[in-house]
Amino acid sequence: MEAVERVISDPGGGSSQSTTLVHVDSETLAATLPLPLTKMVSSRKVSQEVERRQRLSVTSAERAAVIRDMYRPLHPHIYHLKESFLDPRFTQVVEYCRSSSATEQGLSNLLEEQPAPRVFRLPVFNRSFCEQLLEELEHFEMSAVPKGRPNTMNHHGVLLDELGFDEGFFTPLREQYLQPLTSLLYPEYGGGSLDSHKAFVVKYNMKEDLDLSYHYDNAEVTLNVSLGKDFKDGHLYFGDMRQVPLSDTECYEVEHRVTEGLLHRAQHMHGALPISSGQRWNLIMWMRASQERNTLCPMCNRKPTLVEGHGFADGFTATPTLCPTLPVC
């Protein structure tokens, strides 16, 4: 679970005319560390982590520049979204959402709602695209270029913005295909005003990460797509929204199916059970709405403390005229 990261674009999702901002301070960090770590970290370590996170966007931009110069993609055509990559059932659902007669109930009838409330399963990509994307990711893993961690909880995976997928792939996927769904399903969570995202892939392997602890995401809405490969077990489980005490929470297990995605509110507590064999890759897309988080950080329930960042960063925005430079408050 990452307490700090972000994007910048207009609140309406247009061209980059705002300032990219990162929310970072020691109280926020302590509040958003994985629960077992909260009592263990010293104030010195918290300060060191704050400094590290303030450098995140800079080091990420530096890695991305090296990757652009040195890495040669295996499948360059997949870096730009084509409708042929998508499952036809998904595009049919999107077409319904774009119609003037679309309703939340009508959309819910087209999706497979899970036992966990407001968690929906939907077909997203076709198997051929998933296989090519996995080949690309494995090719990238074997290269000598620098690589960053997806977040503080997943040790193995790929930051897809650094690899060059954001502008041509995930931005149109969010704007043209996912937002028509999220605006109907999650309007009170900023589903109709998503203007940034963080996309990454995580890998579970018998000799690496097996599972993922109970957590919530630094986003308003999350899409989690199973890319493959062959694996057993490793189902997701969902509890309740993060504000609900654990003692009052009932958890629901949800199977992950290759090529299909699970769409859910990002503040919905969830985790991943351990795989028992094989290797599993998941594509995660944290979608963010600056109009929601600009007033209240979803990770700490406080007014954001902001510094200027690069790229999409943490999903907060400020106009240049109002905020040419942003100190840490």
C-alpha atoms as a PDB file:
ATOM      1  CA  MET A   1       0.000   0.000   0.000  1.00  0.00           C
ATOM      2  CA  GLU A   2       1.606   3.211  -1.111  1.00  0.00           C
ATOM      3  CA  ALA A   3       0.889   6.335   0.939  1.00  0.00           C
ATOM      4  CA  VAL A   4       2.429   8.615  -1.626  1.00  0.00           C
ATOM      5  CA  GLU A   5       2.353   8.865  -5.438  1.00  0.00           C
ATOM      6  CA  ARG A   6       0.511  10.921  -8.116  1.00  0.00           C
ATOM      7  CA  VAL A   7      -0.582  12.412 -11.484  1.00  0.00           C
ATOM      8  CA  ILE A   8      -1.209  15.709 -13.036  1.00  0.00           C
ATOM      9  CA  SER A   9      -3.664  16.793 -15.614  1.00  0.00           C
ATOM     10  CA  ASP A  10      -6.622  19.125 -15.721  1.00  0.00           C
ATOM     11  CA  PRO A  11      -9.410  18.081 -13.371  1.00  0.00           C
ATOM     12  CA  GLY A  12     -11.391  17.326 -16.489  1.00  0.00           C
ATOM     13  CA  GLY A  13      -8.726  14.961 -17.765  1.00  0.00           C
ATOM     14  CA  GLY A  14      -7.420  17.269 -20.494  1.00  0.00           C
ATOM     15  CA  SER A  15      -3.922  18.460 -21.304  1.00  0.00           C
ATOM     16  CA  SER A  16      -1.328  18.986 -18.598  1.00  0.00           C
ATOM     17  CA  GLN A  17      -1.931  22.555 -17.412  1.00  0.00           C
ATOM     18  CA  SER A  18      -1.803  21.953 -13.650  1.00  0.00           C
ATOM     19  CA  THR A  19       1.018  21.195 -11.256  1.00  0.00           C
ATOM     20  CA  THR A  20       1.793  17.584 -10.374  1.00  0.00           C
ATOM     21  CA  LEU A  21       1.633  17.161  -6.627  1.00  0.00           C
ATOM     22  CA  VAL A  22       2.709  14.604  -4.055  1.00  0.00           C
ATOM     23  CA  HIS A  23       1.202  14.260  -0.571  1.00  0.00           C
ATOM     24  CA  VAL A  24       3.891  13.449   1.977  1.00  0.00           C
ATOM     25  CA  ASP A  25       4.428  13.958   5.707  1.00  0.00           C
ATOM     26  CA  SER A  26       5.474  11.807   8.649  1.00  0.00           C
ATOM     27  CA  GLU A  27       2.033  11.545  10.265  1.00  0.00           C
ATOM     28  CA  THR A  28       0.511  10.386   6.997  1.00  0.00           C
ATOM     29  CA  LEU A  29       3.247   7.829   6.535  1.00  0.00           C
ATOM     30  CA  ALA A  30       2.810   6.378  10.012  1.00  0.00           C
ATOM     31  CA  ALA A  31      -0.947   6.181   9.469  1.00  0.00           C
ATOM     32  CA  THR A  32      -0.679   4.367   6.160  1.00  0.00           C
ATOM     33  CA  LEU A  33       2.101   1.855   6.681  1.00  0.00           C
ATOM     34  CA  PRO A  34       0.989  -1.797   6.607  1.00  0.00           C
ATOM     35  CA  LEU A  35      -0.554  -2.453  10.027  1.00  0.00           C
ATOM     36  CA  PRO A  36       2.143  -4.808  11.412  1.00  0.00           C
ATOM     37  CA  LEU A  37       4.812  -2.181  10.694  1.00  0.00           C
ATOM     38  CA  THR A  38       3.115   0.795  12.293  1.00  0.00           C
ATOM     39  CA  LYS A  39       4.274  -0.016  15.819  1.00  0.00           C
ATOM     40  CA  MET A  40       7.748  -1.057  14.725  1.00  0.00           C
ATOM     41  CA  VAL A  41       9.129   1.920  12.855  1.00  0.00           C
ATOM     42  CA  SER A  42      11.075   4.517  14.776  1.00  0.00           C
ATOM     43  CA  SER A  43      10.636   8.227  14.187  1.00  0.00           C
ATOM     44  CA  ARG A  44      14.045   8.246  12.502  1.00  0.00           C
ATOM     45  CA  LYS A  45      12.970   5.559  10.040  1.00  0.00           C
ATOM     46  CA  VAL A  46       9.744   7.430   9.361  1.00  0.00           C
ATOM     47  CA  SER A  47      11.741  10.564   8.552  1.00  0.00           C
ATOM     48  CA  GLN A  48      13.997   8.571   6.246  1.00  0.00           C
ATOM     49  CA  GLU A  49      10.975   7.131   4.477  1.00  0.00           C
ATOM     50  CA  VAL A  50       9.439  10.576   4.051  1.00  0.00           C
ATOM     51  CA  GLU A  51      12.648  11.753   2.390  1.00  0.00           C
ATOM     52  CA  ARG A  52      12.670   8.670   0.160  1.00  0.00           C
ATOM     53  CA  ARG A  53       9.125   9.315  -0.944  1.00  0.00           C
ATOM     54  CA  GLN A  54       9.869  12.932  -1.694  1.00  0.00           C
ATOM     55  CA  ARG A  55      12.506  11.638  -4.124  1.00  0.00           C
ATOM     56  CA  LEU A  56      10.246   8.987  -5.666  1.00  0.00           C
ATOM     57  CA  SER A  57       8.944  11.009  -8.591  1.00  0.00           C
ATOM     58  CA  VAL A  58      12.451  12.251  -9.440  1.00  0.00           C
ATOM     59  CA  THR A  59      14.045   8.802  -9.381  1.00  0.00           C
ATOM     60  CA  SER A  60      11.108   7.385 -11.326  1.00  0.00           C
ATOM     61  CA  ALA A  61      11.539  10.028 -14.039  1.00  0.00           C
ATOM     62  CA  GLU A  62      15.253   9.240 -14.167  1.00  0.00           C
ATOM     63  CA  ARG A  63      14.586   5.511 -14.592  1.00  0.00           C
ATOM     64  CA  ALA A  64      11.991   6.202 -17.299  1.00  0.00           C
ATOM     65  CA  ALA A  65      14.533   8.291 -19.247  1.00  0.00           C
ATOM     66  CA  VAL A  66      17.077   5.460 -19.128  1.00  0.00           C
ATOM     67  CA  ILE A  67      14.441   2.934 -20.209  1.00  0.00           C
ATOM     68  CA  ARG A  68      13.446   5.120 -23.186  1.00  0.00           C
ATOM     69  CA  ASP A  69      17.075   5.331 -24.297  1.00  0.00           C
ATOM     70  CA  MET A  70      18.205   1.757 -23.676  1.00  0.00           C
ATOM     71  CA  TYR A  71      15.278  -0.656 -23.741  1.00  0.00           C
ATOM     72  CA  ARG A  72      14.078  -2.197 -27.012  1.00  0.00           C
ATOM     73  CA  PRO A  73      10.507  -3.538 -26.711  1.00  0.00           C
ATOM     74  CA  LEU A  74       9.723  -7.074 -27.820  1.00  0.00           C
ATOM     75  CA  HIS A  75       6.170  -6.187 -28.909  1.00  0.00           C
ATOM     76  CA  PRO A  76       6.124  -2.426 -29.637  1.00  0.00           C
ATOM     77  CA  HIS A  77       2.597  -2.571 -31.076  1.00  0.00           C
ATOM     78  CA  ILE A  78       1.006  -3.309 -27.692  1.00  0.00           C
ATOM     79  CA  TYR A  79       2.122   0.033 -26.222  1.00  0.00           C
ATOM     80  CA  HIS A  80      -0.827   1.773 -27.889  1.00  0.00           C
ATOM     81  CA  LEU A  81      -4.336   0.651 -27.026  1.00  0.00           C
ATOM     82  CA  LYS A  82      -6.333  -0.968 -29.820  1.00  0.00           C
ATOM     83  CA  GLU A  83      -9.891  -2.165 -29.460  1.00  0.00           C
ATOM     84  CA  SER A  84      -8.772  -5.526 -30.834  1.00  0.00           C
ATOM     85  CA  PHE A  85      -6.929  -6.083 -27.507  1.00  0.00           C
ATOM     86  CA  LEU A  86     -10.218  -5.899 -25.625  1.00  0.00           C
ATOM     87  CA  ASP A  87     -12.789  -8.608 -25.009  1.00  0.00           C
ATOM     88  CA  PRO A  88     -15.846  -7.915 -27.215  1.00  0.00           C
ATOM     89  CA  ARG A  89     -18.100  -8.359 -24.160  1.00  0.00           C
ATOM     90  CA  PHE A  90     -16.254  -5.512 -22.465  1.00  0.00           C
ATOM     91  CA  THR A  91     -16.696  -3.147 -25.412  1.00  0.00           C
ATOM     92  CA  GLN A  92     -20.419  -4.008 -25.495  1.00  0.00           C
ATOM     93  CA  VAL A  93     -20.725  -3.025 -21.830  1.00  0.00           C
ATOM     94  CA  VAL A  94     -18.890   0.240 -22.546  1.00  0.00           C
ATOM     95  CA  GLU A  95     -21.230   1.004 -25.453  1.00  0.00           C
ATOM     96  CA  TYR A  96     -24.196   0.570 -23.131  1.00  0.00           C
ATOM     97  CA  CYS A  97     -22.632   2.963 -20.600  1.00  0.00           C
ATOM     98  CA  ARG A  98     -22.110   5.591 -23.296  1.00  0.00           C
ATOM     99  CA  SER A  99     -25.798   5.574 -24.215  1.00  0.00           C
ATOM    100  CA  SER A 100     -28.115   8.255 -22.843  1.00  0.00           C
ATOM    101  CA  SER A 101     -30.412   5.582 -21.369  1.00  0.00           C
ATOM    102  CA  ALA A 102     -27.692   3.880 -19.288  1.00  0.00           C
ATOM    103  CA  THR A 103     -28.385   3.434 -15.567  1.00  0.00           C
ATOM    104  CA  GLU A 104     -26.476   1.967 -12.642  1.00  0.00           C
ATOM    105  CA  GLN A 105     -28.983  -0.871 -12.342  1.00  0.00           C
ATOM    106  CA  GLY A 106     -28.837  -1.590 -16.055  1.00  0.00           C
ATOM    107  CA  LEU A 107     -25.055  -1.751 -15.927  1.00  0.00           C
ATOM    108  CA  SER A 108     -25.106  -3.969 -12.833  1.00  0.00           C
ATOM    109  CA  ASN A 109     -27.299  -6.409 -14.733  1.00  0.00           C
ATOM    110  CA  LEU A 110     -24.583  -6.705 -17.403  1.00  0.00           C
ATOM    111  CA  LEU A 111     -21.785  -7.375 -14.914  1.00  0.00           C
ATOM    112  CA  GLU A 112     -21.105 -10.257 -12.569  1.00  0.00           C
ATOM    113  CA  GLU A 113     -21.473  -8.805  -9.086  1.00  0.00           C
ATOM    114  CA  GLN A 114     -19.484 -10.628  -6.429  1.00  0.00           C
ATOM    115  CA  PRO A 115     -20.533 -11.580  -2.880  1.00  0.00           C
ATOM    116  CA  ALA A 116     -18.484  -8.629  -1.629  1.00  0.00           C
ATOM    117  CA  PRO A 117     -20.645  -5.498  -2.014  1.00  0.00           C
ATOM    118  CA  ARG A 118     -20.051  -3.356  -5.098  1.00  0.00           C
ATOM    119  CA  VAL A 119     -17.256  -5.569  -6.404  1.00  0.00           C
ATOM    120  CA  PHE A 120     -17.818  -6.423 -10.063  1.00  0.00           C
ATOM    121  CA  ARG A 121     -16.195  -8.975 -12.354  1.00  0.00           C
ATOM    122  CA  LEU A 122     -15.916  -8.101 -16.028  1.00  0.00           C
ATOM    123  CA  PRO A 123     -14.031  -9.401 -19.074  1.00  0.00           C
ATOM    124  CA  VAL A 124     -11.364  -6.883 -20.085  1.00  0.00           C
ATOM    125  CA  PHE A 125      -8.656  -8.200 -22.429  1.00  0.00           C
ATOM    126  CA  ASN A 126      -8.484 -11.153 -24.816  1.00  0.00           C
ATOM    127  CA  ARG A 127      -6.060 -13.979 -24.093  1.00  0.00           C
ATOM    128  CA  SER A 128      -3.749 -13.150 -27.012  1.00  0.00           C
ATOM    129  CA  PHE A 129      -3.091  -9.652 -25.651  1.00  0.00           C
ATOM    130  CA  CYS A 130      -2.476 -11.004 -22.123  1.00  0.00           C
ATOM    131  CA  GLU A 131       0.089 -13.461 -23.479  1.00  0.00           C
ATOM    132  CA  GLN A 132       1.902 -10.772 -25.474  1.00  0.00           C
ATOM    133  CA  LEU A 133       1.934  -8.397 -22.520  1.00  0.00           C
ATOM    134  CA  LEU A 134       3.431 -11.110 -20.304  1.00  0.00           C
ATOM    135  CA  GLU A 135       6.099 -11.809 -22.930  1.00  0.00           C
ATOM    136  CA  GLU A 136       6.916  -8.084 -22.989  1.00  0.00           C
ATOM    137  CA  LEU A 137       7.138  -7.910 -19.189  1.00  0.00           C
ATOM    138  CA  GLU A 138       9.420 -10.943 -18.977  1.00  0.00           C
ATOM    139  CA  HIS A 139      11.585  -9.483 -21.734  1.00  0.00           C
ATOM    140  CA  PHE A 140      11.814  -6.247 -19.744  1.00  0.00           C
ATOM    141  CA  GLU A 141      12.661  -8.139 -16.545  1.00  0.00           C
ATOM    142  CA  MET A 142      15.609  -9.805 -18.261  1.00  0.00           C
ATOM    143  CA  SER A 143      16.989  -6.503 -19.547  1.00  0.00           C
ATOM    144  CA  ALA A 144      19.745  -4.540 -17.819  1.00  0.00           C
ATOM    145  CA  VAL A 145      17.773  -1.285 -17.456  1.00  0.00           C
ATOM    146  CA  PRO A 146      16.894  -0.018 -13.953  1.00  0.00           C
ATOM    147  CA  LYS A 147      13.562  -1.087 -12.477  1.00  0.00           C
ATOM    148  CA  GLY A 148      11.397   0.273  -9.664  1.00  0.00           C
ATOM    149  CA  ARG A 149       9.119  -1.519  -7.213  1.00  0.00           C
ATOM    150  CA  PRO A 150       5.346  -1.305  -7.836  1.00  0.00           C
ATOM    151  CA  ASN A 151       4.659  -0.152  -4.236  1.00  0.00           C
ATOM    152  CA  THR A 152       5.688  -0.768  -0.627  1.00  0.00           C
ATOM    153  CA  MET A 153       3.833  -4.091  -0.364  1.00  0.00           C
ATOM    154  CA  ASN A 154       4.681  -5.811  -3.671  1.00  0.00           C
ATOM    155  CA  HIS A 155       8.353  -6.639  -4.152  1.00  0.00           C
ATOM    156  CA  HIS A 156       8.111  -8.047  -7.692  1.00  0.00           C
ATOM    157  CA  GLY A 157       6.499  -6.369 -10.675  1.00  0.00           C
ATOM    158  CA  VAL A 158       6.753  -3.513 -13.171  1.00  0.00           C
ATOM    159  CA  LEU A 159       5.792   0.164 -13.090  1.00  0.00           C
ATOM    160  CA  LEU A 160       4.042   0.524 -16.437  1.00  0.00           C
ATOM    161  CA  ASP A 161       4.398   4.304 -16.691  1.00  0.00           C
ATOM    162  CA  GLU A 162       8.190   3.940 -16.572  1.00  0.00           C
ATOM    163  CA  LEU A 163       7.974   1.338 -19.324  1.00  0.00           C
ATOM    164  CA  GLY A 164       6.090   3.813 -21.540  1.00  0.00           C
ATOM    165  CA  PHE A 165       2.500   2.535 -21.457  1.00  0.00           C
ATOM    166  CA  ASP A 166       0.737   5.534 -19.896  1.00  0.00           C
ATOM    167  CA  GLU A 167       0.096   8.019 -22.687  1.00  0.00           C
ATOM    168  CA  GLY A 168      -0.787   5.597 -25.465  1.00  0.00           C
ATOM    169  CA  PHE A 169      -2.459   2.838 -23.481  1.00  0.00           C
ATOM    170  CA  PHE A 170      -3.705   3.493 -19.960  1.00  0.00           C
ATOM    171  CA  THR A 171      -4.852   7.084 -20.367  1.00  0.00           C
ATOM    172  CA  PRO A 172      -7.238   6.193 -23.240  1.00  0.00           C
ATOM    173  CA  LEU A 173      -8.265   3.011 -21.404  1.00  0.00           C
ATOM    174  CA  ARG A 174      -9.275   5.098 -18.380  1.00  0.00           C
ATOM    175  CA  GLU A 175     -10.871   7.976 -20.265  1.00  0.00           C
ATOM    176  CA  GLN A 176     -12.656   6.158 -23.078  1.00  0.00           C
ATOM    177  CA  TYR A 177     -13.511   2.748 -21.634  1.00  0.00           C
ATOM    178  CA  LEU A 178     -13.403   2.649 -17.831  1.00  0.00           C
ATOM    179  CA  GLN A 179     -14.827   6.027 -16.853  1.00  0.00           C
ATOM    180  CA  PRO A 180     -18.179   5.369 -18.546  1.00  0.00           C
ATOM    181  CA  LEU A 181     -18.511   2.399 -16.137  1.00  0.00           C
ATOM    182  CA  THR A 182     -17.132   4.027 -12.997  1.00  0.00           C
ATOM    183  CA  SER A 183     -19.296   7.139 -13.424  1.00  0.00           C
ATOM    184  CA  LEU A 184     -22.378   4.911 -13.095  1.00  0.00           C
ATOM    185  CA  LEU A 185     -21.071   2.480 -10.469  1.00  0.00           C
ATOM    186  CA  TYR A 186     -19.186   4.814  -8.111  1.00  0.00           C
ATOM    187  CA  PRO A 187     -20.352   8.426  -8.583  1.00  0.00           C
ATOM    188  CA  GLU A 188     -19.918   9.300  -4.885  1.00  0.00           C
ATOM    189  CA  TYR A 189     -16.272   8.159  -5.018  1.00  0.00           C
ATOM    190  CA  GLY A 190     -15.275  10.350  -7.955  1.00  0.00           C
ATOM    191  CA  GLY A 191     -16.055   7.709 -10.580  1.00  0.00           C
ATOM    192  CA  GLY A 192     -17.233  10.390 -12.998  1.00  0.00           C
ATOM    193  CA  SER A 193     -14.193  12.645 -12.582  1.00  0.00           C
ATOM    194  CA  LEU A 194     -11.205  10.303 -12.698  1.00  0.00           C
ATOM    195  CA  ASP A 195      -8.327  12.358 -14.104  1.00  0.00           C
ATOM    196  CA  SER A 196      -5.216  10.310 -13.309  1.00  0.00           C
ATOM    197  CA  HIS A 197      -4.005   6.824 -12.520  1.00  0.00           C
ATOM    198  CA  LYS A 198      -1.120   4.622 -11.520  1.00  0.00           C
ATOM    199  CA  ALA A 199      -0.785   1.385 -13.506  1.00  0.00           C
ATOM    200  CA  PHE A 200       1.561  -1.427 -12.543  1.00  0.00           C
ATOM    201  CA  VAL A 201       1.921  -5.184 -12.706  1.00  0.00           C
ATOM    202  CA  VAL A 202       2.609  -7.415  -9.705  1.00  0.00           C
ATOM    203  CA  LYS A 203       4.013 -10.929  -9.824  1.00  0.00           C
ATOM    204  CA  TYR A 204       3.380 -13.808  -7.425  1.00  0.00           C
ATOM    205  CA  ASN A 205       5.770 -16.741  -7.578  1.00  0.00           C
ATOM    206  CA  MET A 206       6.544 -19.712  -5.349  1.00  0.00           C
ATOM    207  CA  LYS A 207      10.056 -18.381  -4.679  1.00  0.00           C
ATOM    208  CA  GLU A 208       9.031 -14.712  -4.348  1.00  0.00           C
ATOM    209  CA  ASP A 209       5.813 -13.045  -3.148  1.00  0.00           C
ATOM    210  CA  LEU A 210       3.065 -15.594  -2.466  1.00  0.00           C
ATOM    211  CA  ASP A 211       0.293 -13.378  -1.158  1.00  0.00           C
ATOM    212  CA  LEU A 212      -0.648  -9.822  -0.231  1.00  0.00           C
ATOM    213  CA  SER A 213      -1.701  -8.541   3.179  1.00  0.00           C
ATOM    214  CA  TYR A 214      -5.062  -6.932   3.963  1.00  0.00           C
ATOM    215  CA  HIS A 215      -4.961  -3.305   2.790  1.00  0.00           C
ATOM    216  CA  TYR A 216      -6.668  -0.514   0.875  1.00  0.00           C
ATOM    217  CA  ASP A 217      -5.402   1.389  -2.163  1.00  0.00           C
ATOM    218  CA  ASN A 218      -4.201   4.947  -2.689  1.00  0.00           C
ATOM    219  CA  ALA A 219      -6.928   5.674  -5.220  1.00  0.00           C
ATOM    220  CA  GLU A 220     -10.660   6.224  -5.627  1.00  0.00           C
ATOM    221  CA  VAL A 221     -11.404   3.220  -7.891  1.00  0.00           C
ATOM    222  CA  THR A 222      -9.275   0.132  -8.615  1.00  0.00           C
ATOM    223  CA  LEU A 223      -9.222  -2.283 -11.557  1.00  0.00           C
ATOM    224  CA  ASN A 224      -7.367  -5.581 -10.980  1.00  0.00           C
ATOM    225  CA  VAL A 225      -6.924  -7.814 -14.048  1.00  0.00           C
ATOM    226  CA  SER A 226      -5.496 -11.345 -13.968  1.00  0.00           C
ATOM    227  CA  LEU A 227      -3.029 -11.737 -16.854  1.00  0.00           C
ATOM    228  CA  GLY A 228      -1.914 -15.331 -16.129  1.00  0.00           C
ATOM    229  CA  LYS A 229       0.073 -17.539 -16.128  1.00  0.00           C
ATOM    230  CA  ASP A 230      -0.781 -20.997 -14.759  1.00  0.00           C
ATOM    231  CA  PHE A 231      -1.366 -20.924 -11.004  1.00  0.00           C
ATOM    232  CA  LYS A 232      -3.484 -22.489  -8.302  1.00  0.00           C
ATOM    233  CA  ASP A 233      -5.332 -20.713  -5.501  1.00  0.00           C
ATOM    234  CA  GLY A 234      -4.349 -17.123  -4.736  1.00  0.00           C
ATOM    235  CA  HIS A 235      -7.931 -15.839  -4.629  1.00  0.00           C
ATOM    236  CA  LEU A 236      -8.644 -12.288  -3.540  1.00  0.00           C
ATOM    237  CA  TYR A 237     -10.662 -11.574  -0.413  1.00  0.00           C
ATOM    238  CA  PHE A 238     -12.669  -8.462   0.432  1.00  0.00           C
ATOM    239  CA  GLY A 239     -13.779  -7.148   3.798  1.00  0.00           C
ATOM    240  CA  ASP A 240     -15.537  -3.820   4.265  1.00  0.00           C
ATOM    241  CA  MET A 241     -14.631  -0.182   3.720  1.00  0.00           C
ATOM    242  CA  ARG A 242     -11.595   0.873   5.713  1.00  0.00           C
ATOM    243  CA  GLN A 243     -13.657   2.946   8.164  1.00  0.00           C
ATOM    244  CA  VAL A 244     -15.456  -0.205   9.428  1.00  0.00           C
ATOM    245  CA  PRO A 245     -13.821  -1.889  12.473  1.00  0.00           C
ATOM    246  CA  LEU A 246     -12.281  -5.268  11.744  1.00  0.00           C
ATOM    247  CA  SER A 247     -14.437  -6.822  14.463  1.00  0.00           C
ATOM    248  CA  ASP A 248     -17.540  -5.836  12.458  1.00  0.00           C
ATOM    249  CA  THR A 249     -16.194  -7.089   9.143  1.00  0.00           C
ATOM    250  CA  GLU A 250     -17.140 -10.212   7.195  1.00  0.00           C
ATOM    251  CA  CYS A 251     -14.732 -11.262   4.443  1.00  0.00           C
ATOM    252  CA  TYR A 252     -15.687 -12.711   1.059  1.00  0.00           C
ATOM    253  CA  GLU A 253     -13.381 -14.735  -1.174  1.00  0.00           C
ATOM    254  CA  VAL A 254     -13.347 -13.943  -4.914  1.00  0.00           C
ATOM    255  CA  GLU A 255     -11.709 -16.109  -7.573  1.00  0.00           C
ATOM    256  CA  HIS A 256      -9.363 -14.489 -10.064  1.00  0.00           C
ATOM    257  CA  ARG A 257      -9.802 -15.597 -13.693  1.00  0.00           C
ATOM    258  CA  VAL A 258      -7.263 -14.931 -16.422  1.00  0.00           C
ATOM    259  CA  THR A 259      -8.253 -12.068 -18.818  1.00  0.00           C
ATOM    260  CA  GLU A 260     -10.955 -10.856 -16.407  1.00  0.00           C
ATOM    261  CA  GLY A 261     -10.869  -7.885 -14.072  1.00  0.00           C
ATOM    262  CA  LEU A 262     -12.324  -7.009 -10.689  1.00  0.00           C
ATOM    263  CA  LEU A 263     -13.560  -3.437 -10.336  1.00  0.00           C
ATOM    264  CA  HIS A 264     -13.980  -2.067  -6.821  1.00  0.00           C
ATOM    265  CA  ARG A 265     -13.816   0.999  -4.594  1.00  0.00           C
ATOM    266  CA  ALA A 266     -10.170   1.563  -3.734  1.00  0.00           C
ATOM    267  CA  GLN A 267     -10.915   2.123  -0.026  1.00  0.00           C
ATOM    268  CA  HIS A 268     -12.555  -1.312   0.143  1.00  0.00           C
ATOM    269  CA  MET A 269     -10.230  -3.432   2.321  1.00  0.00           C
ATOM    270  CA  HIS A 270      -8.873  -6.455   0.471  1.00  0.00           C
ATOM    271  CA  GLY A 271      -5.938  -8.843   0.153  1.00  0.00           C
ATOM    272  CA  ALA A 272      -4.654 -11.833  -1.826  1.00  0.00           C
ATOM    273  CA  LEU A 273      -4.430 -15.378  -0.477  1.00  0.00           C
ATOM    274  CA  PRO A 274      -1.217 -17.329  -1.223  1.00  0.00           C
ATOM    275  CA  ILE A 275      -0.818 -19.219  -4.462  1.00  0.00           C
ATOM    276  CA  SER A 276      -0.032 -22.910  -3.928  1.00  0.00           C
ATOM    277  CA  SER A 277       1.756 -23.463  -7.248  1.00  0.00           C
ATOM    278  CA  GLY A 278       2.732 -21.732 -10.476  1.00  0.00           C
ATOM    279  CA  GLN A 279       3.104 -18.028 -11.200  1.00  0.00           C
ATOM    280  CA  ARG A 280       0.465 -15.301 -11.275  1.00  0.00           C
ATOM    281  CA  TRP A 281       0.687 -11.830 -12.826  1.00  0.00           C
ATOM    282  CA  ASN A 282      -1.880  -9.128 -12.091  1.00  0.00           C
ATOM    283  CA  LEU A 283      -2.336  -5.758 -13.775  1.00  0.00           C
ATOM    284  CA  ILE A 284      -3.453  -3.126 -11.259  1.00  0.00           C
ATOM    285  CA  MET A 285      -4.838   0.267 -12.211  1.00  0.00           C
ATOM    286  CA  TRP A 286      -5.350   2.771  -9.400  1.00  0.00           C
ATOM    287  CA  MET A 287      -7.684   5.458 -10.762  1.00  0.00           C
ATOM    288  CA  ARG A 288      -7.764   8.815  -9.023  1.00  0.00           C
ATOM    289  CA  ALA A 289     -10.046  11.869  -8.933  1.00  0.00           C
ATOM    290  CA  SER A 290      -8.285  15.098  -7.964  1.00  0.00           C
ATOM    291  CA  GLN A 291     -11.543  16.831  -7.052  1.00  0.00           C
ATOM    292  CA  GLU A 292     -12.004  14.215  -4.309  1.00  0.00           C
ATOM    293  CA  ARG A 293      -8.474  14.030  -2.959  1.00  0.00           C
ATOM    294  CA  ASN A 294      -7.555  17.707  -3.238  1.00  0.00           C
ATOM    295  CA  THR A 295      -9.638  18.428  -0.134  1.00  0.00           C
ATOM    296  CA  LEU A 296      -9.143  15.170   1.792  1.00  0.00           C
ATOM    297  CA  CYS A 297      -6.380  12.599   1.388  1.00  0.00           C
ATOM    298  CA  PRO A 298      -7.984   9.123   1.131  1.00  0.00           C
ATOM    299  CA  MET A 299      -5.021   7.565   2.940  1.00  0.00           C
ATOM    300  CA  CYS A 300      -5.060   9.646   6.142  1.00  0.00           C
ATOM    301  CA  ASN A 301      -8.338  11.650   6.137  1.00  0.00           C
ATOM    302  CA  ARG A 302      -6.405  14.923   6.386  1.00  0.00           C
ATOM    303  CA  LYS A 303      -6.001  17.939   4.146  1.00  0.00           C
ATOM    304  CA  PRO A 304      -3.111  17.029   1.821  1.00  0.00           C
ATOM    305  CA  THR A 305       0.394  18.294   2.460  1.00  0.00           C
ATOM    306  CA  LEU A 306       1.777  18.810  -1.032  1.00  0.00           C
ATOM    307  CA  VAL A 307       5.054  19.147  -2.852  1.00  0.00           C
ATOM    308  CA  GLU A 308       5.583  19.388  -6.590  1.00  0.00           C
ATOM    309  CA  GLY A 309       6.117  16.107  -8.403  1.00  0.00           C
ATOM    310  CA  HIS A 310       6.520  14.592 -11.866  1.00  0.00           C
ATOM    311  CA  GLY A 311       4.107  12.775 -14.170  1.00  0.00           C
ATOM    312  CA  PHE A 312       0.917  11.586 -12.521  1.00  0.00           C
ATOM    313  CA  ALA A 313       2.433  11.470  -8.993  1.00  0.00           C
ATOM    314  CA  ASP A 314      -0.249  11.179  -6.242  1.00  0.00           C
ATOM    315  CA  GLY A 315      -3.321  12.397  -8.108  1.00  0.00           C
ATOM    316  CA  PHE A 316      -3.550  15.871  -6.555  1.00  0.00           C
ATOM    317  CA  THR A 317      -3.655  19.043  -8.670  1.00  0.00           C
ATOM    318  CA  ALA A 318      -3.149  22.794  -8.287  1.00  0.00           C
ATOM    319  CA  THR A 319      -3.226  25.541 -10.906  1.00  0.00           C
ATOM    320  CA  PRO A 320       0.117  27.260 -11.618  1.00  0.00           C
ATOM    321  CA  THR A 321      -1.295  30.706 -10.818  1.00  0.00           C
ATOM    322  CA  LEU A 322      -2.417  29.610  -7.376  1.00  0.00           C
ATOM    323  CA  CYS A 323       0.557  27.466  -6.518  1.00  0.00           C
ATOM    324  CA  PRO A 324       3.767  28.025  -8.502  1.00  0.00           C
ATOM    325  CA  THR A 325       5.802  26.242  -5.807  1.00  0.00           C
ATOM    326  CA  LEU A 326       4.513  23.967  -3.099  1.00  0.00           C
ATOM    327  CA  PRO A 327       6.340  23.597   0.224  1.00  0.00           C
ATOM    328  CA  VAL A 328       5.859  20.678   2.574  1.00  0.00           C
ATOM    329  CA  CYS A 329       3.421  22.030   5.160  1.00  0.00           C
END
